[in-house]
Amino acid sequence: MSFIINKDKRELFGYLMAQYFTKLQGVLAEVYDEKDDPITAMKKGIRAYIDCGLQNPNYYKLGFMINPDLNKGDYLKNGVPGTNVYLGHRALVEKCIRQGCFRSMDVDLATQIIWTMNHGITSLLLSNPNFPWIDREKLITQDILSTIDAFKA
């Protein structure tokens, strides 16, 4: 007999994710500097995303690696911390495109490709800790540079 019904699980999941995304949003707000050019801001943002995931592995796994049984309509809701993180990332990608730092392309496509690249390294480092990775710092740094280079104009 289950003491937690599905609705309660979804509410608990939503609460935990709101906590993580609020933390991530705060971390990103700290690393972005209005004086930074968009490429520098993007590098800082990618690094902060990866570091936050690696420093909060259980939250990261819960939010991105465990199927929470969400429907399409559960994503990108106004005022939700996860939506705010995504839209902040999207705005920075759009700024990179608009200022000519990134080549001209669909902003949503570029945003989601960069996000999947960030998620890839974060999830692999978390889910495969015994893989014989090269120096972690070197791997993350080169991943960030490669991600940025893939979009440069």
N, C-alpha and C. Protein backbone atom coordinates (compact mmCIF):
# COMPACT_ATOMS: atom_id res chain seq x y z
N MET A 1 0.84 -1.18 0.00
CA MET A 1 0.00 0.00 0.00
C MET A 1 0.88 1.24 0.00
N SER A 2 0.60 2.15 -0.91
CA SER A 2 1.37 3.39 -1.01
C SER A 2 0.70 4.47 -0.18
N PHE A 3 1.51 5.16 0.61
CA PHE A 3 0.97 6.23 1.44
C PHE A 3 1.04 7.58 0.73
N ILE A 4 1.73 7.61 -0.40
CA ILE A 4 1.84 8.85 -1.16
C ILE A 4 1.18 8.62 -2.51
N ILE A 5 0.13 9.36 -2.77
CA ILE A 5 -0.53 9.20 -4.06
C ILE A 5 0.22 9.99 -5.12
N ASN A 6 -0.03 9.68 -6.38
CA ASN A 6 0.71 10.29 -7.48
C ASN A 6 0.70 11.81 -7.42
N LYS A 7 -0.44 12.41 -7.10
CA LYS A 7 -0.53 13.87 -7.02
C LYS A 7 0.47 14.39 -5.98
N ASP A 8 0.56 13.73 -4.84
CA ASP A 8 1.50 14.15 -3.81
C ASP A 8 2.94 14.02 -4.27
N LYS A 9 3.25 12.97 -5.02
CA LYS A 9 4.60 12.80 -5.55
C LYS A 9 4.95 13.95 -6.49
N ARG A 10 4.00 14.31 -7.34
CA ARG A 10 4.24 15.41 -8.28
C ARG A 10 4.45 16.72 -7.52
N GLU A 11 3.67 16.94 -6.48
CA GLU A 11 3.83 18.17 -5.69
C GLU A 11 5.18 18.19 -4.99
N LEU A 12 5.60 17.05 -4.42
CA LEU A 12 6.89 16.97 -3.77
C LEU A 12 8.01 17.20 -4.78
N PHE A 13 7.90 16.57 -5.93
CA PHE A 13 8.88 16.76 -6.99
C PHE A 13 8.94 18.23 -7.39
N GLY A 14 7.79 18.85 -7.58
CA GLY A 14 7.73 20.27 -7.94
C GLY A 14 8.39 21.15 -6.89
N TYR A 15 8.17 20.85 -5.64
CA TYR A 15 8.78 21.62 -4.56
C TYR A 15 10.30 21.49 -4.59
N LEU A 16 10.79 20.25 -4.71
CA LEU A 16 12.24 20.02 -4.74
C LEU A 16 12.88 20.70 -5.95
N MET A 17 12.22 20.63 -7.09
CA MET A 17 12.77 21.26 -8.29
C MET A 17 12.76 22.77 -8.17
N ALA A 18 11.73 23.32 -7.57
CA ALA A 18 11.69 24.77 -7.35
C ALA A 18 12.86 25.21 -6.48
N GLN A 19 13.19 24.40 -5.46
CA GLN A 19 14.32 24.71 -4.60
C GLN A 19 15.63 24.72 -5.39
N TYR A 20 15.83 23.69 -6.21
CA TYR A 20 17.06 23.60 -6.99
C TYR A 20 17.16 24.73 -8.00
N PHE A 21 16.09 24.98 -8.75
CA PHE A 21 16.14 26.00 -9.78
C PHE A 21 16.25 27.41 -9.19
N THR A 22 15.68 27.62 -8.02
CA THR A 22 15.86 28.90 -7.34
C THR A 22 17.33 29.08 -6.98
N LYS A 23 17.96 28.02 -6.49
CA LYS A 23 19.39 28.07 -6.17
C LYS A 23 20.20 28.32 -7.44
N LEU A 24 19.91 27.59 -8.51
CA LEU A 24 20.63 27.77 -9.77
C LEU A 24 20.44 29.18 -10.31
N GLN A 25 19.23 29.69 -10.23
CA GLN A 25 18.97 31.05 -10.70
C GLN A 25 19.80 32.05 -9.90
N GLY A 26 19.92 31.85 -8.60
CA GLY A 26 20.74 32.73 -7.77
C GLY A 26 22.22 32.65 -8.13
N VAL A 27 22.70 31.43 -8.38
CA VAL A 27 24.09 31.24 -8.78
C VAL A 27 24.36 31.96 -10.10
N LEU A 28 23.46 31.79 -11.06
CA LEU A 28 23.63 32.44 -12.36
C LEU A 28 23.60 33.96 -12.23
N ALA A 29 22.71 34.47 -11.39
CA ALA A 29 22.63 35.92 -11.19
C ALA A 29 23.94 36.46 -10.61
N GLU A 30 24.60 35.66 -9.78
CA GLU A 30 25.87 36.09 -9.20
C GLU A 30 27.01 36.12 -10.22
N VAL A 31 26.99 35.20 -11.19
CA VAL A 31 28.12 35.14 -12.13
C VAL A 31 27.96 36.11 -13.30
N TYR A 32 26.74 36.46 -13.63
CA TYR A 32 26.55 37.39 -14.75
C TYR A 32 26.89 38.80 -14.28
N ASP A 33 27.63 39.47 -15.10
CA ASP A 33 28.01 40.85 -14.82
C ASP A 33 27.59 41.67 -16.04
N GLU A 34 26.85 42.71 -15.81
CA GLU A 34 26.35 43.54 -16.92
C GLU A 34 27.48 44.09 -17.78
N LYS A 35 28.67 44.22 -17.19
CA LYS A 35 29.80 44.75 -17.95
C LYS A 35 30.44 43.70 -18.86
N ASP A 36 30.14 42.43 -18.61
CA ASP A 36 30.71 41.35 -19.41
C ASP A 36 30.14 41.37 -20.83
N ASP A 37 30.99 41.04 -21.78
CA ASP A 37 30.47 40.83 -23.12
C ASP A 37 29.67 39.52 -23.08
N PRO A 38 28.76 39.31 -24.04
CA PRO A 38 27.89 38.14 -23.98
C PRO A 38 28.64 36.80 -23.98
N ILE A 39 29.78 36.72 -24.66
CA ILE A 39 30.54 35.47 -24.69
C ILE A 39 31.10 35.15 -23.31
N THR A 40 31.65 36.15 -22.64
CA THR A 40 32.17 35.95 -21.28
C THR A 40 31.03 35.54 -20.34
N ALA A 41 29.89 36.21 -20.47
CA ALA A 41 28.73 35.86 -19.65
C ALA A 41 28.28 34.43 -19.93
N MET A 42 28.29 34.04 -21.20
CA MET A 42 27.89 32.68 -21.57
C MET A 42 28.84 31.66 -20.96
N LYS A 43 30.13 31.91 -21.05
CA LYS A 43 31.12 30.98 -20.46
C LYS A 43 30.90 30.85 -18.95
N LYS A 44 30.69 31.99 -18.29
CA LYS A 44 30.44 31.96 -16.84
C LYS A 44 29.15 31.21 -16.52
N GLY A 45 28.12 31.43 -17.33
CA GLY A 45 26.84 30.77 -17.10
C GLY A 45 26.92 29.27 -17.29
N ILE A 46 27.61 28.84 -18.35
CA ILE A 46 27.78 27.40 -18.59
C ILE A 46 28.54 26.78 -17.42
N ARG A 47 29.61 27.43 -17.00
CA ARG A 47 30.42 26.90 -15.89
C ARG A 47 29.59 26.81 -14.61
N ALA A 48 28.80 27.84 -14.35
CA ALA A 48 27.97 27.85 -13.14
C ALA A 48 26.93 26.73 -13.19
N TYR A 49 26.34 26.50 -14.36
CA TYR A 49 25.36 25.43 -14.53
C TYR A 49 26.00 24.08 -14.21
N ILE A 50 27.16 23.83 -14.80
CA ILE A 50 27.87 22.55 -14.59
C ILE A 50 28.25 22.40 -13.12
N ASP A 51 28.86 23.44 -12.54
CA ASP A 51 29.29 23.37 -11.15
C ASP A 51 28.12 23.16 -10.20
N CYS A 52 27.03 23.86 -10.45
CA CYS A 52 25.85 23.72 -9.57
C CYS A 52 25.32 22.29 -9.63
N GLY A 53 25.29 21.71 -10.83
CA GLY A 53 24.85 20.32 -10.96
C GLY A 53 25.78 19.36 -10.25
N LEU A 54 27.08 19.56 -10.39
CA LEU A 54 28.05 18.66 -9.76
C LEU A 54 28.06 18.81 -8.24
N GLN A 55 27.77 20.02 -7.76
CA GLN A 55 27.75 20.26 -6.32
C GLN A 55 26.42 19.84 -5.67
N ASN A 56 25.41 19.63 -6.49
CA ASN A 56 24.08 19.23 -6.00
C ASN A 56 23.60 18.02 -6.79
N PRO A 57 24.35 16.91 -6.72
CA PRO A 57 24.06 15.78 -7.62
C PRO A 57 22.67 15.18 -7.46
N ASN A 58 22.17 15.10 -6.24
CA ASN A 58 20.85 14.49 -6.07
C ASN A 58 19.75 15.35 -6.67
N TYR A 59 19.83 16.65 -6.46
CA TYR A 59 18.86 17.55 -7.08
C TYR A 59 18.98 17.50 -8.60
N TYR A 60 20.21 17.51 -9.10
CA TYR A 60 20.41 17.49 -10.55
C TYR A 60 19.84 16.22 -11.16
N LYS A 61 20.15 15.09 -10.55
CA LYS A 61 19.63 13.82 -11.06
C LYS A 61 18.11 13.80 -11.02
N LEU A 62 17.55 14.29 -9.93
CA LEU A 62 16.09 14.32 -9.80
C LEU A 62 15.47 15.18 -10.89
N GLY A 63 16.07 16.32 -11.14
CA GLY A 63 15.50 17.26 -12.09
C GLY A 63 15.73 16.92 -13.55
N PHE A 64 16.84 16.27 -13.84
CA PHE A 64 17.21 16.08 -15.24
C PHE A 64 17.43 14.65 -15.68
N MET A 65 17.56 13.74 -14.72
CA MET A 65 17.93 12.39 -15.12
C MET A 65 16.91 11.32 -14.70
N ILE A 66 15.92 11.71 -13.92
CA ILE A 66 14.87 10.78 -13.53
C ILE A 66 13.58 11.27 -14.17
N ASN A 67 12.88 10.39 -14.81
CA ASN A 67 11.64 10.77 -15.48
C ASN A 67 10.61 11.15 -14.43
N PRO A 68 10.29 12.42 -14.32
CA PRO A 68 9.33 12.85 -13.31
C PRO A 68 7.87 12.69 -13.76
N ASP A 69 7.67 12.09 -14.91
CA ASP A 69 6.33 11.89 -15.45
C ASP A 69 5.62 13.23 -15.68
N LEU A 70 6.38 14.18 -16.22
CA LEU A 70 5.79 15.48 -16.54
C LEU A 70 5.20 15.46 -17.94
N ASN A 71 4.16 16.22 -18.10
CA ASN A 71 3.54 16.38 -19.41
C ASN A 71 4.14 17.60 -20.09
N LYS A 72 3.96 17.69 -21.39
CA LYS A 72 4.49 18.82 -22.15
C LYS A 72 4.02 20.15 -21.55
N GLY A 73 2.80 20.20 -21.10
CA GLY A 73 2.25 21.42 -20.52
C GLY A 73 2.83 21.80 -19.17
N ASP A 74 3.60 20.89 -18.57
CA ASP A 74 4.20 21.17 -17.27
C ASP A 74 5.45 22.04 -17.38
N TYR A 75 5.95 22.21 -18.60
CA TYR A 75 7.18 22.97 -18.81
C TYR A 75 6.88 24.41 -19.22
N LEU A 76 7.84 25.28 -18.96
CA LEU A 76 7.81 26.68 -19.38
C LEU A 76 6.56 27.42 -18.92
N LYS A 77 6.24 27.23 -17.65
CA LYS A 77 5.13 27.97 -17.05
C LYS A 77 5.66 29.27 -16.45
N ASN A 78 4.93 30.34 -16.62
CA ASN A 78 5.34 31.65 -16.10
C ASN A 78 5.52 31.60 -14.59
N GLY A 79 6.60 32.23 -14.14
CA GLY A 79 6.85 32.36 -12.72
C GLY A 79 7.48 31.14 -12.05
N VAL A 80 7.68 30.07 -12.79
CA VAL A 80 8.29 28.86 -12.23
C VAL A 80 9.81 29.02 -12.31
N PRO A 81 10.53 28.72 -11.22
CA PRO A 81 11.98 28.93 -11.23
C PRO A 81 12.71 28.25 -12.39
N GLY A 82 12.34 27.04 -12.75
CA GLY A 82 12.98 26.36 -13.87
C GLY A 82 12.77 27.10 -15.18
N THR A 83 11.59 27.64 -15.35
CA THR A 83 11.29 28.44 -16.54
C THR A 83 12.16 29.68 -16.56
N ASN A 84 12.30 30.32 -15.40
CA ASN A 84 13.13 31.53 -15.31
C ASN A 84 14.58 31.24 -15.68
N VAL A 85 15.11 30.10 -15.24
CA VAL A 85 16.48 29.72 -15.58
C VAL A 85 16.60 29.54 -17.09
N TYR A 86 15.66 28.81 -17.66
CA TYR A 86 15.70 28.54 -19.10
C TYR A 86 15.57 29.84 -19.90
N LEU A 87 14.63 30.69 -19.52
CA LEU A 87 14.43 31.94 -20.26
C LEU A 87 15.61 32.90 -20.10
N GLY A 88 16.27 32.87 -18.95
CA GLY A 88 17.48 33.67 -18.77
C GLY A 88 18.59 33.20 -19.70
N HIS A 89 18.73 31.90 -19.82
CA HIS A 89 19.71 31.31 -20.74
C HIS A 89 19.35 31.68 -22.17
N ARG A 90 18.08 31.59 -22.50
CA ARG A 90 17.62 31.92 -23.85
C ARG A 90 17.91 33.38 -24.18
N ALA A 91 17.68 34.27 -23.22
CA ALA A 91 17.93 35.70 -23.43
C ALA A 91 19.41 35.97 -23.71
N LEU A 92 20.28 35.24 -23.01
CA LEU A 92 21.71 35.42 -23.24
C LEU A 92 22.11 34.89 -24.61
N VAL A 93 21.56 33.77 -25.02
CA VAL A 93 21.83 33.24 -26.36
C VAL A 93 21.34 34.24 -27.41
N GLU A 94 20.15 34.78 -27.20
CA GLU A 94 19.60 35.75 -28.14
C GLU A 94 20.50 36.99 -28.23
N LYS A 95 21.05 37.43 -27.09
CA LYS A 95 21.96 38.58 -27.08
C LYS A 95 23.22 38.26 -27.87
N CYS A 96 23.75 37.05 -27.72
CA CYS A 96 24.94 36.63 -28.47
C CYS A 96 24.67 36.66 -29.98
N ILE A 97 23.49 36.22 -30.37
CA ILE A 97 23.12 36.22 -31.79
C ILE A 97 22.93 37.65 -32.29
N ARG A 98 22.18 38.43 -31.52
CA ARG A 98 21.86 39.81 -31.92
C ARG A 98 23.11 40.67 -32.04
N GLN A 99 24.10 40.45 -31.17
CA GLN A 99 25.33 41.26 -31.20
C GLN A 99 26.37 40.68 -32.16
N GLY A 100 26.04 39.60 -32.85
CA GLY A 100 26.96 39.04 -33.83
C GLY A 100 28.05 38.17 -33.25
N CYS A 101 27.96 37.85 -31.97
CA CYS A 101 28.95 36.96 -31.34
C CYS A 101 28.71 35.51 -31.80
N PHE A 102 27.44 35.16 -31.97
CA PHE A 102 27.05 33.86 -32.52
C PHE A 102 26.51 34.10 -33.91
N ARG A 103 26.65 33.10 -34.76
CA ARG A 103 26.10 33.22 -36.11
C ARG A 103 24.57 33.29 -36.03
N SER A 104 23.98 33.83 -37.05
CA SER A 104 22.54 33.98 -37.10
C SER A 104 21.88 32.61 -37.21
N MET A 105 21.00 32.31 -36.26
CA MET A 105 20.26 31.06 -36.29
C MET A 105 19.06 31.17 -35.36
N ASP A 106 18.21 30.20 -35.41
CA ASP A 106 17.03 30.17 -34.55
C ASP A 106 17.46 30.16 -33.08
N VAL A 107 16.99 31.12 -32.31
CA VAL A 107 17.42 31.27 -30.93
C VAL A 107 17.01 30.06 -30.08
N ASP A 108 15.84 29.50 -30.32
CA ASP A 108 15.41 28.34 -29.54
C ASP A 108 16.27 27.12 -29.85
N LEU A 109 16.63 26.95 -31.11
CA LEU A 109 17.50 25.84 -31.49
C LEU A 109 18.86 25.99 -30.81
N ALA A 110 19.45 27.17 -30.90
CA ALA A 110 20.76 27.40 -30.28
C ALA A 110 20.69 27.22 -28.77
N THR A 111 19.65 27.74 -28.14
CA THR A 111 19.47 27.62 -26.69
C THR A 111 19.42 26.16 -26.27
N GLN A 112 18.63 25.38 -26.98
CA GLN A 112 18.46 23.99 -26.59
C GLN A 112 19.70 23.14 -26.91
N ILE A 113 20.42 23.47 -27.95
CA ILE A 113 21.67 22.75 -28.24
C ILE A 113 22.69 23.02 -27.14
N ILE A 114 22.83 24.27 -26.75
CA ILE A 114 23.79 24.61 -25.69
C ILE A 114 23.38 23.92 -24.39
N TRP A 115 22.11 23.92 -24.11
CA TRP A 115 21.61 23.27 -22.89
C TRP A 115 21.93 21.78 -22.91
N THR A 116 21.70 21.12 -24.05
CA THR A 116 21.98 19.68 -24.11
C THR A 116 23.48 19.42 -23.99
N MET A 117 24.30 20.32 -24.48
CA MET A 117 25.76 20.15 -24.32
C MET A 117 26.15 20.28 -22.85
N ASN A 118 25.57 21.26 -22.16
CA ASN A 118 25.84 21.43 -20.73
C ASN A 118 25.37 20.21 -19.95
N HIS A 119 24.18 19.77 -20.27
CA HIS A 119 23.61 18.61 -19.58
C HIS A 119 24.45 17.36 -19.83
N GLY A 120 24.95 17.22 -21.03
CA GLY A 120 25.73 16.04 -21.37
C GLY A 120 26.93 15.86 -20.47
N ILE A 121 27.74 16.88 -20.34
CA ILE A 121 28.94 16.74 -19.50
C ILE A 121 28.56 16.59 -18.03
N THR A 122 27.56 17.36 -17.59
CA THR A 122 27.16 17.28 -16.18
C THR A 122 26.63 15.90 -15.84
N SER A 123 25.72 15.39 -16.65
CA SER A 123 25.13 14.09 -16.36
C SER A 123 26.14 12.96 -16.48
N LEU A 124 27.04 13.04 -17.45
CA LEU A 124 28.05 11.99 -17.58
C LEU A 124 29.01 11.97 -16.40
N LEU A 125 29.43 13.14 -15.94
CA LEU A 125 30.33 13.18 -14.79
C LEU A 125 29.63 12.65 -13.53
N LEU A 126 28.32 12.90 -13.42
CA LEU A 126 27.58 12.42 -12.25
C LEU A 126 27.27 10.92 -12.34
N SER A 127 26.89 10.47 -13.51
CA SER A 127 26.42 9.09 -13.62
C SER A 127 27.54 8.08 -13.87
N ASN A 128 28.72 8.55 -14.25
CA ASN A 128 29.85 7.67 -14.53
C ASN A 128 31.10 8.12 -13.79
N PRO A 129 31.04 8.18 -12.46
CA PRO A 129 32.19 8.71 -11.71
C PRO A 129 33.44 7.84 -11.80
N ASN A 130 33.29 6.58 -12.13
CA ASN A 130 34.45 5.68 -12.19
C ASN A 130 35.07 5.58 -13.58
N PHE A 131 34.50 6.29 -14.56
CA PHE A 131 35.10 6.31 -15.88
C PHE A 131 36.47 6.99 -15.76
N PRO A 132 37.46 6.54 -16.51
CA PRO A 132 38.78 7.17 -16.40
C PRO A 132 38.85 8.53 -17.11
N TRP A 133 38.11 9.49 -16.57
CA TRP A 133 38.09 10.84 -17.13
C TRP A 133 39.48 11.45 -17.05
N ILE A 134 39.79 12.31 -18.02
CA ILE A 134 41.01 13.11 -17.89
C ILE A 134 40.76 14.11 -16.77
N ASP A 135 41.70 14.97 -16.50
CA ASP A 135 41.54 15.97 -15.46
C ASP A 135 40.20 16.68 -15.63
N ARG A 136 39.38 16.67 -14.59
CA ARG A 136 38.02 17.21 -14.66
C ARG A 136 38.01 18.68 -15.08
N GLU A 137 38.89 19.47 -14.50
CA GLU A 137 38.94 20.90 -14.83
C GLU A 137 39.25 21.11 -16.31
N LYS A 138 40.20 20.36 -16.81
CA LYS A 138 40.58 20.46 -18.22
C LYS A 138 39.41 20.06 -19.12
N LEU A 139 38.73 18.99 -18.76
CA LEU A 139 37.59 18.50 -19.54
C LEU A 139 36.46 19.54 -19.58
N ILE A 140 36.11 20.09 -18.43
CA ILE A 140 35.02 21.07 -18.36
C ILE A 140 35.40 22.34 -19.12
N THR A 141 36.61 22.82 -18.93
CA THR A 141 37.05 24.03 -19.63
C THR A 141 36.99 23.85 -21.14
N GLN A 142 37.49 22.73 -21.63
CA GLN A 142 37.48 22.50 -23.08
C GLN A 142 36.06 22.30 -23.60
N ASP A 143 35.21 21.68 -22.79
CA ASP A 143 33.80 21.52 -23.18
C ASP A 143 33.14 22.89 -23.36
N ILE A 144 33.40 23.80 -22.44
CA ILE A 144 32.83 25.14 -22.54
C ILE A 144 33.35 25.86 -23.78
N LEU A 145 34.64 25.80 -24.01
CA LEU A 145 35.22 26.46 -25.17
C LEU A 145 34.69 25.88 -26.47
N SER A 146 34.55 24.56 -26.52
CA SER A 146 34.00 23.90 -27.71
C SER A 146 32.56 24.27 -27.96
N THR A 147 31.79 24.37 -26.87
CA THR A 147 30.39 24.78 -27.00
C THR A 147 30.29 26.17 -27.60
N ILE A 148 31.05 27.10 -27.07
CA ILE A 148 31.03 28.48 -27.56
C ILE A 148 31.50 28.53 -29.01
N ASP A 149 32.60 27.85 -29.30
CA ASP A 149 33.16 27.86 -30.66
C ASP A 149 32.19 27.31 -31.70
N ALA A 150 31.34 26.39 -31.30
CA ALA A 150 30.38 25.79 -32.23
C ALA A 150 29.37 26.81 -32.76
N PHE A 151 29.21 27.92 -32.06
CA PHE A 151 28.21 28.91 -32.45
C PHE A 151 28.77 30.24 -32.90
N LYS A 152 30.07 30.41 -32.78
CA LYS A 152 30.66 31.71 -33.13
C LYS A 152 30.41 32.07 -34.59
N ALA A 153 30.23 33.36 -34.79
CA ALA A 153 29.96 33.87 -36.14
C ALA A 153 31.20 33.78 -37.01
